[in-house]
């Protein structure tokens, strides 16, 4: 038997969903996709969100992070909104950097 089981991971992923709402994760495929994506991030150098993982393998760390609610699976709408917020923040940072450069040039 796999530990944690798919059903345990699905419960963890849906733990923040209110009663009566549609669960974000309702298939094993979603769990596999999310953990594989997170494992790729870990392989690319992103720091794990767990201090002392049980296993050093990226996929095992991703599963452990999901099990402990350190990562969240977003619906398509939430992912699009998060991406839009990220783009807005990057645009604000770029504008601030441009302002600072032009201010320095005035001196």
PDB file of N, CA and C in Angstrom:
ATOM      1  N   UNK A   1       0.832  -1.188   0.000  1.00  0.00           N
ATOM      2  CA  UNK A   1       0.000   0.000   0.000  1.00  0.00           C
ATOM      3  C   UNK A   1       0.876   1.250   0.000  1.00  0.00           C
ATOM      4  N   UNK A   2       0.468   2.232  -0.748  1.00  0.00           N
ATOM      5  CA  UNK A   2       1.194   3.494  -0.814  1.00  0.00           C
ATOM      6  C   UNK A   2       0.838   4.373   0.376  1.00  0.00           C
ATOM      7  N   UNK A   3       1.841   5.048   0.884  1.00  0.00           N
ATOM      8  CA  UNK A   3       1.607   5.975   1.993  1.00  0.00           C
ATOM      9  C   UNK A   3       2.172   7.324   1.630  1.00  0.00           C
ATOM     10  N   UNK A   4       1.472   8.380   1.670  1.00  0.00           N
ATOM     11  CA  UNK A   4       0.034   8.434   1.932  1.00  0.00           C
ATOM     12  C   UNK A   4      -0.756   7.929   0.726  1.00  0.00           C
ATOM     13  N   UNK A   5      -1.973   7.504   0.978  1.00  0.00           N
ATOM     14  CA  UNK A   5      -2.801   6.986  -0.108  1.00  0.00           C
ATOM     15  C   UNK A   5      -3.352   8.146  -0.937  1.00  0.00           C
ATOM     16  N   UNK A   6      -3.833   7.833  -2.134  1.00  0.00           N
ATOM     17  CA  UNK A   6      -4.430   8.868  -2.975  1.00  0.00           C
ATOM     18  C   UNK A   6      -5.594   9.536  -2.260  1.00  0.00           C
ATOM     19  N   UNK A   7      -6.404   8.743  -1.569  1.00  0.00           N
ATOM     20  CA  UNK A   7      -7.557   9.338  -0.884  1.00  0.00           C
ATOM     21  C   UNK A   7      -7.109  10.291   0.220  1.00  0.00           C
ATOM     22  N   UNK A   8      -6.023   9.961   0.929  1.00  0.00           N
ATOM     23  CA  UNK A   8      -5.491  10.877   1.949  1.00  0.00           C
ATOM     24  C   UNK A   8      -5.000  12.174   1.309  1.00  0.00           C
ATOM     25  N   UNK A   9      -4.323  12.060   0.178  1.00  0.00           N
ATOM     26  CA  UNK A   9      -3.835  13.248  -0.520  1.00  0.00           C
ATOM     27  C   UNK A   9      -4.992  14.095  -1.049  1.00  0.00           C
ATOM     28  N   UNK A  10      -6.045  13.444  -1.530  1.00  0.00           N
ATOM     29  CA  UNK A  10      -7.209  14.182  -2.019  1.00  0.00           C
ATOM     30  C   UNK A  10      -7.887  14.922  -0.873  1.00  0.00           C
ATOM     31  N   UNK A  11      -7.971  14.290   0.293  1.00  0.00           N
ATOM     32  CA  UNK A  11      -8.550  14.961   1.464  1.00  0.00           C
ATOM     33  C   UNK A  11      -7.708  16.166   1.856  1.00  0.00           C
ATOM     34  N   UNK A  12      -6.393  16.007   1.841  1.00  0.00           N
ATOM     35  CA  UNK A  12      -5.500  17.118   2.198  1.00  0.00           C
ATOM     36  C   UNK A  12      -5.633  18.261   1.195  1.00  0.00           C
ATOM     37  N   UNK A  13      -5.714  17.932  -0.080  1.00  0.00           N
ATOM     38  CA  UNK A  13      -5.819  18.961  -1.120  1.00  0.00           C
ATOM     39  C   UNK A  13      -7.150  19.696  -1.058  1.00  0.00           C
ATOM     40  N   UNK A  14      -8.193  19.005  -0.621  1.00  0.00           N
ATOM     41  CA  UNK A  14      -9.523  19.607  -0.546  1.00  0.00           C
ATOM     42  C   UNK A  14      -9.876  20.091   0.855  1.00  0.00           C
ATOM     43  N   UNK A  15      -8.915  20.131   1.753  1.00  0.00           N
ATOM     44  CA  UNK A  15      -9.200  20.469   3.152  1.00  0.00           C
ATOM     45  C   UNK A  15      -9.756  21.876   3.337  1.00  0.00           C
ATOM     46  N   UNK A  16      -9.448  22.792   2.436  1.00  0.00           N
ATOM     47  CA  UNK A  16      -9.918  24.167   2.577  1.00  0.00           C
ATOM     48  C   UNK A  16     -11.231  24.428   1.844  1.00  0.00           C
ATOM     49  N   UNK A  17     -11.772  23.406   1.186  1.00  0.00           N
ATOM     50  CA  UNK A  17     -13.026  23.557   0.459  1.00  0.00           C
ATOM     51  C   UNK A  17     -14.179  23.466   1.454  1.00  0.00           C
ATOM     52  N   UNK A  18     -15.101  24.426   1.373  1.00  0.00           N
ATOM     53  CA  UNK A  18     -16.258  24.443   2.262  1.00  0.00           C
ATOM     54  C   UNK A  18     -17.199  23.288   1.922  1.00  0.00           C
ATOM     55  N   UNK A  19     -17.951  22.839   2.916  1.00  0.00           N
ATOM     56  CA  UNK A  19     -18.923  21.778   2.713  1.00  0.00           C
ATOM     57  C   UNK A  19     -19.954  22.226   1.684  1.00  0.00           C
ATOM     58  N   UNK A  20     -20.227  21.384   0.720  1.00  0.00           N
ATOM     59  CA  UNK A  20     -21.188  21.695  -0.327  1.00  0.00           C
ATOM     60  C   UNK A  20     -20.557  22.270  -1.584  1.00  0.00           C
ATOM     61  N   UNK A  21     -19.336  22.768  -1.486  1.00  0.00           N
ATOM     62  CA  UNK A  21     -18.642  23.292  -2.661  1.00  0.00           C
ATOM     63  C   UNK A  21     -18.030  22.144  -3.452  1.00  0.00           C
ATOM     64  N   UNK A  22     -17.771  22.396  -4.718  1.00  0.00           N
ATOM     65  CA  UNK A  22     -17.132  21.396  -5.562  1.00  0.00           C
ATOM     66  C   UNK A  22     -15.671  21.262  -5.150  1.00  0.00           C
ATOM     67  N   UNK A  23     -15.220  20.034  -4.884  1.00  0.00           N
ATOM     68  CA  UNK A  23     -13.810  19.860  -4.514  1.00  0.00           C
ATOM     69  C   UNK A  23     -12.883  20.233  -5.667  1.00  0.00           C
ATOM     70  N   UNK A  24     -11.737  20.781  -5.317  1.00  0.00           N
ATOM     71  CA  UNK A  24     -10.757  21.171  -6.331  1.00  0.00           C
ATOM     72  C   UNK A  24     -10.166  19.926  -6.977  1.00  0.00           C
ATOM     73  N   UNK A  25      -9.868  18.935  -6.154  1.00  0.00           N
ATOM     74  CA  UNK A  25      -9.261  17.698  -6.634  1.00  0.00           C
ATOM     75  C   UNK A  25     -10.281  16.576  -6.499  1.00  0.00           C
ATOM     76  N   UNK A  26     -10.628  15.959  -7.613  1.00  0.00           N
ATOM     77  CA  UNK A  26     -11.553  14.837  -7.545  1.00  0.00           C
ATOM     78  C   UNK A  26     -11.081  13.652  -8.381  1.00  0.00           C
ATOM     79  N   UNK A  27      -9.766  13.615  -8.648  1.00  0.00           N
ATOM     80  CA  UNK A  27      -9.231  12.458  -9.361  1.00  0.00           C
ATOM     81  C   UNK A  27      -7.761  12.253  -9.018  1.00  0.00           C
ATOM     82  N   UNK A  28      -7.321  11.032  -9.188  1.00  0.00           N
ATOM     83  CA  UNK A  28      -5.907  10.713  -8.968  1.00  0.00           C
ATOM     84  C   UNK A  28      -5.027  11.471  -9.955  1.00  0.00           C
ATOM     85  N   UNK A  29      -5.554  11.661 -11.147  1.00  0.00           N
ATOM     86  CA  UNK A  29      -4.809  12.363 -12.193  1.00  0.00           C
ATOM     87  C   UNK A  29      -4.385  13.752 -11.717  1.00  0.00           C
ATOM     88  N   UNK A  30      -5.282  14.457 -11.035  1.00  0.00           N
ATOM     89  CA  UNK A  30      -4.960  15.797 -10.522  1.00  0.00           C
ATOM     90  C   UNK A  30      -3.822  15.744  -9.520  1.00  0.00           C
ATOM     91  N   UNK A  31      -3.833  14.722  -8.670  1.00  0.00           N
ATOM     92  CA  UNK A  31      -2.774  14.553  -7.673  1.00  0.00           C
ATOM     93  C   UNK A  31      -1.441  14.291  -8.376  1.00  0.00           C
ATOM     94  N   UNK A  32      -1.457  13.394  -9.346  1.00  0.00           N
ATOM     95  CA  UNK A  32      -0.235  13.045 -10.079  1.00  0.00           C
ATOM     96  C   UNK A  32       0.314  14.270 -10.804  1.00  0.00           C
ATOM     97  N   UNK A  33      -0.565  15.009 -11.465  1.00  0.00           N
ATOM     98  CA  UNK A  33      -0.148  16.200 -12.204  1.00  0.00           C
ATOM     99  C   UNK A  33       0.461  17.248 -11.274  1.00  0.00           C
ATOM    100  N   UNK A  34      -0.203  17.508 -10.161  1.00  0.00           N
ATOM    101  CA  UNK A  34       0.273  18.533  -9.223  1.00  0.00           C
ATOM    102  C   UNK A  34       1.613  18.153  -8.598  1.00  0.00           C
ATOM    103  N   UNK A  35       1.747  16.913  -8.182  1.00  0.00           N
ATOM    104  CA  UNK A  35       3.002  16.509  -7.549  1.00  0.00           C
ATOM    105  C   UNK A  35       4.141  16.452  -8.566  1.00  0.00           C
ATOM    106  N   UNK A  36       3.840  16.056  -9.796  1.00  0.00           N
ATOM    107  CA  UNK A  36       4.879  16.038 -10.836  1.00  0.00           C
ATOM    108  C   UNK A  36       5.350  17.456 -11.149  1.00  0.00           C
ATOM    109  N   UNK A  37       4.407  18.388 -11.208  1.00  0.00           N
ATOM    110  CA  UNK A  37       4.761  19.785 -11.479  1.00  0.00           C
ATOM    111  C   UNK A  37       5.626  20.346 -10.350  1.00  0.00           C
ATOM    112  N   UNK A  38       5.242  20.043  -9.112  1.00  0.00           N
ATOM    113  CA  UNK A  38       6.022  20.518  -7.967  1.00  0.00           C
ATOM    114  C   UNK A  38       7.404  19.864  -7.949  1.00  0.00           C
ATOM    115  N   UNK A  39       7.483  18.582  -8.291  1.00  0.00           N
ATOM    116  CA  UNK A  39       8.776  17.885  -8.336  1.00  0.00           C
ATOM    117  C   UNK A  39       9.697  18.543  -9.360  1.00  0.00           C
ATOM    118  N   UNK A  40       9.145  18.958 -10.499  1.00  0.00           N
ATOM    119  CA  UNK A  40       9.954  19.658 -11.506  1.00  0.00           C
ATOM    120  C   UNK A  40      10.477  20.981 -10.958  1.00  0.00           C
ATOM    121  N   UNK A  41       9.653  21.675 -10.182  1.00  0.00           N
ATOM    122  CA  UNK A  41      10.108  22.925  -9.558  1.00  0.00           C
ATOM    123  C   UNK A  41      11.269  22.651  -8.607  1.00  0.00           C
ATOM    124  N   UNK A  42      11.155  21.586  -7.831  1.00  0.00           N
ATOM    125  CA  UNK A  42      12.218  21.227  -6.887  1.00  0.00           C
ATOM    126  C   UNK A  42      13.501  20.866  -7.630  1.00  0.00           C
ATOM    127  N   UNK A  43      13.370  20.129  -8.718  1.00  0.00           N
ATOM    128  CA  UNK A  43      14.532  19.755  -9.528  1.00  0.00           C
ATOM    129  C   UNK A  43      15.200  21.004 -10.098  1.00  0.00           C
ATOM    130  N   UNK A  44      14.388  22.002 -10.447  1.00  0.00           N
ATOM    131  CA  UNK A  44      14.917  23.255 -11.011  1.00  0.00           C
ATOM    132  C   UNK A  44      15.541  24.166  -9.958  1.00  0.00           C
ATOM    133  N   UNK A  45      15.512  23.745  -8.695  1.00  0.00           N
ATOM    134  CA  UNK A  45      16.211  24.514  -7.668  1.00  0.00           C
ATOM    135  C   UNK A  45      15.355  25.241  -6.659  1.00  0.00           C
ATOM    136  N   UNK A  46      14.040  25.162  -6.766  1.00  0.00           N
ATOM    137  CA  UNK A  46      13.173  25.798  -5.780  1.00  0.00           C
ATOM    138  C   UNK A  46      13.334  25.056  -4.455  1.00  0.00           C
ATOM    139  N   UNK A  47      13.403  25.805  -3.373  1.00  0.00           N
ATOM    140  CA  UNK A  47      13.606  25.200  -2.053  1.00  0.00           C
ATOM    141  C   UNK A  47      12.360  24.439  -1.594  1.00  0.00           C
ATOM    142  N   UNK A  48      12.533  23.281  -0.962  1.00  0.00           N
ATOM    143  CA  UNK A  48      11.393  22.549  -0.407  1.00  0.00           C
ATOM    144  C   UNK A  48      10.732  23.347   0.715  1.00  0.00           C
ATOM    145  N   UNK A  49       9.440  23.152   0.885  1.00  0.00           N
ATOM    146  CA  UNK A  49       8.699  23.836   1.937  1.00  0.00           C
ATOM    147  C   UNK A  49       8.680  23.038   3.236  1.00  0.00           C
ATOM    148  N   UNK A  50       9.332  21.886   3.221  1.00  0.00           N
ATOM    149  CA  UNK A  50       9.435  21.029   4.401  1.00  0.00           C
ATOM    150  C   UNK A  50      10.888  21.040   4.846  1.00  0.00           C
ATOM    151  N   UNK A  51      11.100  21.279   6.132  1.00  0.00           N
ATOM    152  CA  UNK A  51      12.473  21.399   6.639  1.00  0.00           C
ATOM    153  C   UNK A  51      13.266  20.100   6.543  1.00  0.00           C
ATOM    154  N   UNK A  52      12.681  19.013   7.010  1.00  0.00           N
ATOM    155  CA  UNK A  52      13.381  17.721   6.992  1.00  0.00           C
ATOM    156  C   UNK A  52      12.509  16.677   6.300  1.00  0.00           C
ATOM    157  N   UNK A  53      12.604  16.609   4.965  1.00  0.00           N
ATOM    158  CA  UNK A  53      11.798  15.617   4.247  1.00  0.00           C
ATOM    159  C   UNK A  53      12.192  14.191   4.633  1.00  0.00           C
ATOM    160  N   UNK A  54      11.208  13.298   4.580  1.00  0.00           N
ATOM    161  CA  UNK A  54      11.469  11.889   4.907  1.00  0.00           C
ATOM    162  C   UNK A  54      12.361  11.238   3.864  1.00  0.00           C
ATOM    163  N   UNK A  55      12.272  11.721   2.636  1.00  0.00           N
ATOM    164  CA  UNK A  55      13.036  11.139   1.531  1.00  0.00           C
ATOM    165  C   UNK A  55      13.611  12.281   0.692  1.00  0.00           C
ATOM    166  N   UNK A  56      14.819  12.139   0.171  1.00  0.00           N
ATOM    167  CA  UNK A  56      15.432  13.239  -0.586  1.00  0.00           C
ATOM    168  C   UNK A  56      14.947  13.373  -2.033  1.00  0.00           C
ATOM    169  N   UNK A  57      14.134  12.448  -2.497  1.00  0.00           N
ATOM    170  CA  UNK A  57      13.700  12.482  -3.896  1.00  0.00           C
ATOM    171  C   UNK A  57      12.651  13.578  -4.110  1.00  0.00           C
ATOM    172  N   UNK A  58      12.769  14.334  -5.211  1.00  0.00           N
ATOM    173  CA  UNK A  58      11.852  15.451  -5.456  1.00  0.00           C
ATOM    174  C   UNK A  58      10.371  15.063  -5.455  1.00  0.00           C
ATOM    175  N   UNK A  59      10.020  13.942  -6.059  1.00  0.00           N
ATOM    176  CA  UNK A  59       8.616  13.544  -6.089  1.00  0.00           C
ATOM    177  C   UNK A  59       8.113  13.205  -4.690  1.00  0.00           C
ATOM    178  N   UNK A  60       8.936  12.545  -3.898  1.00  0.00           N
ATOM    179  CA  UNK A  60       8.549  12.219  -2.522  1.00  0.00           C
ATOM    180  C   UNK A  60       8.373  13.484  -1.693  1.00  0.00           C
ATOM    181  N   UNK A  61       9.239  14.464  -1.915  1.00  0.00           N
ATOM    182  CA  UNK A  61       9.114  15.739  -1.202  1.00  0.00           C
ATOM    183  C   UNK A  61       7.813  16.430  -1.612  1.00  0.00           C
ATOM    184  N   UNK A  62       7.497  16.413  -2.904  1.00  0.00           N
ATOM    185  CA  UNK A  62       6.266  17.035  -3.397  1.00  0.00           C
ATOM    186  C   UNK A  62       5.036  16.380  -2.781  1.00  0.00           C
ATOM    187  N   UNK A  63       5.033  15.061  -2.694  1.00  0.00           N
ATOM    188  CA  UNK A  63       3.913  14.345  -2.080  1.00  0.00           C
ATOM    189  C   UNK A  63       3.801  14.720  -0.607  1.00  0.00           C
ATOM    190  N   UNK A  64       4.924  14.780   0.084  1.00  0.00           N
ATOM    191  CA  UNK A  64       4.920  15.142   1.503  1.00  0.00           C
ATOM    192  C   UNK A  64       4.419  16.578   1.699  1.00  0.00           C
ATOM    193  N   UNK A  65       4.818  17.481   0.815  1.00  0.00           N
ATOM    194  CA  UNK A  65       4.337  18.865   0.900  1.00  0.00           C
ATOM    195  C   UNK A  65       2.828  18.929   0.713  1.00  0.00           C
ATOM    196  N   UNK A  66       2.301  18.173  -0.240  1.00  0.00           N
ATOM    197  CA  UNK A  66       0.856  18.145  -0.468  1.00  0.00           C
ATOM    198  C   UNK A  66       0.137  17.541   0.730  1.00  0.00           C
ATOM    199  N   UNK A  67       0.684  16.463   1.248  1.00  0.00           N
ATOM    200  CA  UNK A  67       0.081  15.791   2.404  1.00  0.00           C
ATOM    201  C   UNK A  67       0.003  16.733   3.610  1.00  0.00           C
ATOM    202  N   UNK A  68       1.015  17.571   3.788  1.00  0.00           N
ATOM    203  CA  UNK A  68       1.069  18.487   4.931  1.00  0.00           C
ATOM    204  C   UNK A  68       0.492  19.867   4.611  1.00  0.00           C
ATOM    205  N   UNK A  69      -0.211  19.980   3.502  1.00  0.00           N
ATOM    206  CA  UNK A  69      -0.859  21.233   3.075  1.00  0.00           C
ATOM    207  C   UNK A  69       0.116  22.395   2.944  1.00  0.00           C
ATOM    208  N   UNK A  70       1.344  22.098   2.554  1.00  0.00           N
ATOM    209  CA  UNK A  70       2.339  23.148   2.307  1.00  0.00           C
ATOM    210  C   UNK A  70       2.185  23.723   0.900  1.00  0.00           C
ATOM    211  N   UNK A  71       1.596  22.935   0.000  1.00  0.00           N
ATOM    212  CA  UNK A  71       1.289  23.414  -1.346  1.00  0.00           C
ATOM    213  C   UNK A  71      -0.204  23.217  -1.571  1.00  0.00           C
ATOM    214  N   UNK A  72      -0.751  24.011  -2.478  1.00  0.00           N
ATOM    215  CA  UNK A  72      -2.181  23.946  -2.755  1.00  0.00           C
ATOM    216  C   UNK A  72      -2.397  23.802  -4.253  1.00  0.00           C
ATOM    217  N   UNK A  73      -3.399  23.039  -4.601  1.00  0.00           N
ATOM    218  CA  UNK A  73      -3.770  22.872  -5.998  1.00  0.00           C
ATOM    219  C   UNK A  73      -4.858  23.897  -6.285  1.00  0.00           C
ATOM    220  N   UNK A  74      -4.649  24.706  -7.308  1.00  0.00           N
ATOM    221  CA  UNK A  74      -5.596  25.755  -7.653  1.00  0.00           C
ATOM    222  C   UNK A  74      -6.492  25.313  -8.798  1.00  0.00           C
ATOM    223  N   UNK A  75      -7.740  25.794  -8.773  1.00  0.00           N
ATOM    224  CA  UNK A  75      -8.624  25.560  -9.911  1.00  0.00           C
ATOM    225  C   UNK A  75      -8.115  26.409 -11.073  1.00  0.00           C
ATOM    226  N   UNK A  76      -8.632  26.181 -12.257  1.00  0.00           N
ATOM    227  CA  UNK A  76      -8.179  26.945 -13.425  1.00  0.00           C
ATOM    228  C   UNK A  76      -8.403  28.443 -13.225  1.00  0.00           C
ATOM    229  N   UNK A  77      -9.559  28.798 -12.641  1.00  0.00           N
ATOM    230  CA  UNK A  77      -9.874  30.211 -12.418  1.00  0.00           C
ATOM    231  C   UNK A  77      -8.905  30.827 -11.413  1.00  0.00           C
ATOM    232  N   UNK A  78      -8.629  30.098 -10.336  1.00  0.00           N
ATOM    233  CA  UNK A  78      -7.700  30.598  -9.319  1.00  0.00           C
ATOM    234  C   UNK A  78      -6.287  30.728  -9.884  1.00  0.00           C
ATOM    235  N   UNK A  79      -5.889  29.779 -10.697  1.00  0.00           N
ATOM    236  CA  UNK A  79      -4.557  29.830 -11.304  1.00  0.00           C
ATOM    237  C   UNK A  79      -4.441  31.030 -12.240  1.00  0.00           C
ATOM    238  N   UNK A  80      -5.491  31.293 -13.026  1.00  0.00           N
ATOM    239  CA  UNK A  80      -5.479  32.443 -13.932  1.00  0.00           C
ATOM    240  C   UNK A  80      -5.422  33.750 -13.140  1.00  0.00           C
ATOM    241  N   UNK A  81      -6.179  33.827 -12.052  1.00  0.00           N
ATOM    242  CA  UNK A  81      -6.173  35.033 -11.216  1.00  0.00           C
ATOM    243  C   UNK A  81      -4.808  35.228 -10.560  1.00  0.00           C
ATOM    244  N   UNK A  82      -4.202  34.147 -10.093  1.00  0.00           N
ATOM    245  CA  UNK A  82      -2.874  34.234  -9.466  1.00  0.00           C
ATOM    246  C   UNK A  82      -1.831  34.685 -10.485  1.00  0.00           C
ATOM    247  N   UNK A  83      -1.913  34.172 -11.694  1.00  0.00           N
ATOM    248  CA  UNK A  83      -0.984  34.573 -12.751  1.00  0.00           C
ATOM    249  C   UNK A  83      -1.155  36.054 -13.083  1.00  0.00           C
ATOM    250  N   UNK A  84      -2.397  36.512 -13.127  1.00  0.00           N
ATOM    251  CA  UNK A  84      -2.668  37.929 -13.403  1.00  0.00           C
ATOM    252  C   UNK A  84      -2.098  38.814 -12.296  1.00  0.00           C
ATOM    253  N   UNK A  85      -2.275  38.408 -11.030  1.00  0.00           N
ATOM    254  CA  UNK A  85      -1.710  39.172  -9.905  1.00  0.00           C
ATOM    255  C   UNK A  85      -0.189  39.218  -9.995  1.00  0.00           C
ATOM    256  N   UNK A  86       0.413  38.097 -10.372  1.00  0.00           N
ATOM    257  CA  UNK A  86       1.870  38.047 -10.498  1.00  0.00           C
ATOM    258  C   UNK A  86       2.350  39.004 -11.589  1.00  0.00           C
ATOM    259  N   UNK A  87       1.651  39.018 -12.722  1.00  0.00           N
ATOM    260  CA  UNK A  87       2.019  39.919 -13.815  1.00  0.00           C
ATOM    261  C   UNK A  87       1.885  41.379 -13.385  1.00  0.00           C
ATOM    262  N   UNK A  88       0.828  41.693 -12.642  1.00  0.00           N
ATOM    263  CA  UNK A  88       0.625  43.061 -12.163  1.00  0.00           C
ATOM    264  C   UNK A  88       1.753  43.483 -11.225  1.00  0.00           C
ATOM    265  N   UNK A  89       2.148  42.591 -10.319  1.00  0.00           N
ATOM    266  CA  UNK A  89       3.240  42.904  -9.392  1.00  0.00           C
ATOM    267  C   UNK A  89       4.547  43.130 -10.147  1.00  0.00           C
ATOM    268  N   UNK A  90       4.814  42.288 -11.148  1.00  0.00           N
ATOM    269  CA  UNK A  90       6.033  42.446 -11.943  1.00  0.00           C
ATOM    270  C   UNK A  90       6.023  43.770 -12.698  1.00  0.00           C
ATOM    271  N   UNK A  91       4.862  44.162 -13.212  1.00  0.00           N
ATOM    272  CA  UNK A  91       4.751  45.436 -13.925  1.00  0.00           C
ATOM    273  C   UNK A  91       4.980  46.602 -12.967  1.00  0.00           C
ATOM    274  N   UNK A  92       4.444  46.488 -11.746  1.00  0.00           N
ATOM    275  CA  UNK A  92       4.663  47.537 -10.744  1.00  0.00           C
ATOM    276  C   UNK A  92       6.140  47.646 -10.384  1.00  0.00           C
ATOM    277  N   UNK A  93       6.792  46.514 -10.205  1.00  0.00           N
ATOM    278  CA  UNK A  93       8.225  46.523  -9.881  1.00  0.00           C
ATOM    279  C   UNK A  93       9.038  47.159 -11.011  1.00  0.00           C
ATOM    280  N   UNK A  94       8.695  46.808 -12.231  1.00  0.00           N
ATOM    281  CA  UNK A  94       9.407  47.372 -13.382  1.00  0.00           C
ATOM    282  C   UNK A  94       9.201  48.882 -13.450  1.00  0.00           C
ATOM    283  N   UNK A  95       7.980  49.333 -13.180  1.00  0.00           N
ATOM    284  CA  UNK A  95       7.697  50.767 -13.197  1.00  0.00           C
ATOM    285  C   UNK A  95       8.469  51.480 -12.096  1.00  0.00           C
ATOM    286  N   UNK A  96       8.538  50.882 -10.918  1.00  0.00           N
ATOM    287  CA  UNK A  96       9.286  51.480  -9.812  1.00  0.00           C
ATOM    288  C   UNK A  96      10.776  51.533 -10.137  1.00  0.00           C
ATOM    289  N   UNK A  97      11.295  50.481 -10.740  1.00  0.00           N
ATOM    290  CA  UNK A  97      12.711  50.457 -11.116  1.00  0.00           C
ATOM    291  C   UNK A  97      12.995  51.534 -12.153  1.00  0.00           C
ATOM    292  N   UNK A  98      12.101  51.698 -13.101  1.00  0.00           N
ATOM    293  CA  UNK A  98      12.252  52.725 -14.133  1.00  0.00           C
ATOM    294  C   UNK A  98      12.223  54.115 -13.505  1.00  0.00           C
ATOM    295  N   UNK A  99      11.331  54.308 -12.528  1.00  0.00           N
ATOM    296  CA  UNK A  99      11.257  55.585 -11.816  1.00  0.00           C
ATOM    297  C   UNK A  99      12.565  55.887 -11.098  1.00  0.00           C
ATOM    298  N   UNK A 100      13.115  54.868 -10.446  1.00  0.00           N
ATOM    299  CA  UNK A 100      14.365  55.054  -9.711  1.00  0.00           C
ATOM    300  C   UNK A 100      15.510  55.393 -10.664  1.00  0.00           C
ATOM    301  N   UNK A 101      15.541  54.753 -11.810  1.00  0.00           N
ATOM    302  CA  UNK A 101      16.589  55.022 -12.793  1.00  0.00           C
ATOM    303  C   UNK A 101      16.475  56.457 -13.291  1.00  0.00           C
ATOM    304  N   UNK A 102      15.253  56.893 -13.614  1.00  0.00           N
ATOM    305  CA  UNK A 102      15.080  58.260 -14.112  1.00  0.00           C
ATOM    306  C   UNK A 102      15.381  59.277 -13.019  1.00  0.00           C
ATOM    307  N   UNK A 103      15.095  58.963 -11.771  1.00  0.00           N
ATOM    308  CA  UNK A 103      15.408  59.850 -10.657  1.00  0.00           C
ATOM    309  C   UNK A 103      16.919  59.989 -10.506  1.00  0.00           C
ATOM    310  N   UNK A 104      17.641  58.873 -10.634  1.00  0.00           N
ATOM    311  CA  UNK A 104      19.102  58.902 -10.535  1.00  0.00           C
ATOM    312  C   UNK A 104      19.720  59.725 -11.663  1.00  0.00           C
ATOM    313  N   UNK A 105      19.142  59.672 -12.842  1.00  0.00           N
ATOM    314  CA  UNK A 105      19.664  60.407 -13.989  1.00  0.00           C
ATOM    315  C   UNK A 105      19.495  61.909 -13.826  1.00  0.00           C
ATOM    316  N   UNK A 106      18.468  62.322 -13.056  1.00  0.00           N
ATOM    317  CA  UNK A 106      18.226  63.743 -12.834  1.00  0.00           C
ATOM    318  C   UNK A 106      19.301  64.364 -11.952  1.00  0.00           C
ATOM    319  N   UNK A 107      19.914  63.585 -11.091  1.00  0.00           N
ATOM    320  CA  UNK A 107      20.931  64.113 -10.166  1.00  0.00           C
ATOM    321  C   UNK A 107      22.186  64.430 -10.838  1.00  0.00           C
TER     322      UNK A 107
END
